[in-house]
């Protein structure tokens, strides 16, 4: 396990459980938008904080939406289907 595997235990923002659904989605959109630059250019401390905050926000979203819709193409079976040619196009 390296230093990037450990999540920051200090709270780095508002407790996600106190956010309403719209605020939670806005926070999730923001953290996902900033993810790539944080990974590539931020300090190790900033990356740890980002990892922790993302986990908190995503965990809260999943807690609130345990039966969220899942697109068929985003499952293992869906991925296998994308890799198969239709019957008429197989060699």
Protein backbone atom coordinates (compact mmCIF):
# COMPACT_ATOMS: atom_id res chain seq x y z
CA UNK A 1 0.00 0.00 0.00
CA UNK A 2 1.41 3.42 -0.88
CA UNK A 3 0.62 6.90 0.36
CA UNK A 4 -2.06 7.43 -2.32
CA UNK A 5 -4.05 4.43 -1.07
CA UNK A 6 -4.78 6.03 2.29
CA UNK A 7 -7.81 8.26 2.51
CA UNK A 8 -7.61 11.47 4.44
CA UNK A 9 -9.50 11.07 7.71
CA UNK A 10 -9.90 14.81 8.29
CA UNK A 11 -13.10 16.35 6.97
CA UNK A 12 -12.26 18.53 3.95
CA UNK A 13 -15.69 20.07 3.39
CA UNK A 14 -19.28 20.08 4.48
CA UNK A 15 -20.51 16.73 5.79
CA UNK A 16 -22.15 15.15 2.71
CA UNK A 17 -25.08 13.86 4.79
CA UNK A 18 -26.14 17.49 5.45
CA UNK A 19 -26.31 18.39 1.75
CA UNK A 20 -29.61 18.24 -0.07
CA UNK A 21 -29.74 16.15 -3.26
CA UNK A 22 -29.07 19.12 -5.56
CA UNK A 23 -26.08 20.29 -3.50
CA UNK A 24 -24.69 16.75 -3.38
CA UNK A 25 -24.90 16.44 -7.17
CA UNK A 26 -23.19 19.81 -7.61
CA UNK A 27 -20.36 18.72 -5.29
CA UNK A 28 -20.01 15.41 -7.16
CA UNK A 29 -19.91 17.15 -10.54
CA UNK A 30 -17.25 19.54 -9.28
CA UNK A 31 -15.01 16.88 -7.78
CA UNK A 32 -15.22 14.71 -10.89
CA UNK A 33 -14.46 17.72 -13.09
CA UNK A 34 -11.30 18.48 -11.09
CA UNK A 35 -10.14 14.87 -10.73
CA UNK A 36 -7.80 14.64 -13.72
CA UNK A 37 -5.85 17.81 -12.92
CA UNK A 38 -5.61 16.82 -9.26
CA UNK A 39 -4.20 13.43 -10.18
CA UNK A 40 -1.67 14.87 -12.61
CA UNK A 41 -0.58 18.08 -10.94
CA UNK A 42 -1.55 18.30 -7.26
CA UNK A 43 0.65 17.59 -4.27
CA UNK A 44 0.38 14.25 -2.50
CA UNK A 45 -1.52 15.91 0.34
CA UNK A 46 -3.99 17.48 -2.09
CA UNK A 47 -4.48 14.16 -3.87
CA UNK A 48 -5.14 12.40 -0.56
CA UNK A 49 -7.67 15.08 0.39
CA UNK A 50 -9.33 14.77 -3.04
CA UNK A 51 -9.51 10.97 -2.69
CA UNK A 52 -11.09 11.28 0.74
CA UNK A 53 -13.62 13.89 -0.30
CA UNK A 54 -14.57 11.95 -3.42
CA UNK A 55 -15.12 8.82 -1.34
CA UNK A 56 -17.31 10.74 1.12
CA UNK A 57 -19.46 12.28 -1.61
CA UNK A 58 -19.78 9.10 -3.66
CA UNK A 59 -20.55 7.07 -0.54
CA UNK A 60 -23.35 9.45 0.37
CA UNK A 61 -24.75 9.32 -3.16
CA UNK A 62 -24.73 5.51 -3.10
CA UNK A 63 -26.32 5.46 0.36
CA UNK A 64 -29.17 7.64 -0.91
CA UNK A 65 -29.53 5.78 -4.21
CA UNK A 66 -29.01 2.07 -3.56
CA UNK A 67 -31.21 1.15 -6.52
CA UNK A 68 -29.83 3.71 -8.95
CA UNK A 69 -30.36 2.88 -12.61
CA UNK A 70 -27.46 1.01 -14.17
CA UNK A 71 -26.98 1.21 -17.93
CA UNK A 72 -26.72 -2.26 -19.47
CA UNK A 73 -23.58 -1.25 -21.37
CA UNK A 74 -21.83 -0.43 -18.06
CA UNK A 75 -22.02 -4.00 -16.75
CA UNK A 76 -19.70 -6.92 -17.48
CA UNK A 77 -22.37 -8.58 -19.57
CA UNK A 78 -22.94 -5.37 -21.52
CA UNK A 79 -19.22 -5.04 -22.17
CA UNK A 80 -19.13 -8.61 -23.47
CA UNK A 81 -22.04 -7.85 -25.79
CA UNK A 82 -20.20 -4.82 -27.23
CA UNK A 83 -17.27 -7.11 -28.08
CA UNK A 84 -19.40 -9.57 -30.02
CA UNK A 85 -20.26 -9.09 -33.65
CA UNK A 86 -23.88 -9.71 -34.66
CA UNK A 87 -24.52 -13.27 -35.90
CA UNK A 88 -24.63 -12.25 -39.57
CA UNK A 89 -21.23 -10.51 -39.32
CA UNK A 90 -19.26 -13.31 -37.65
CA UNK A 91 -16.61 -15.19 -39.61
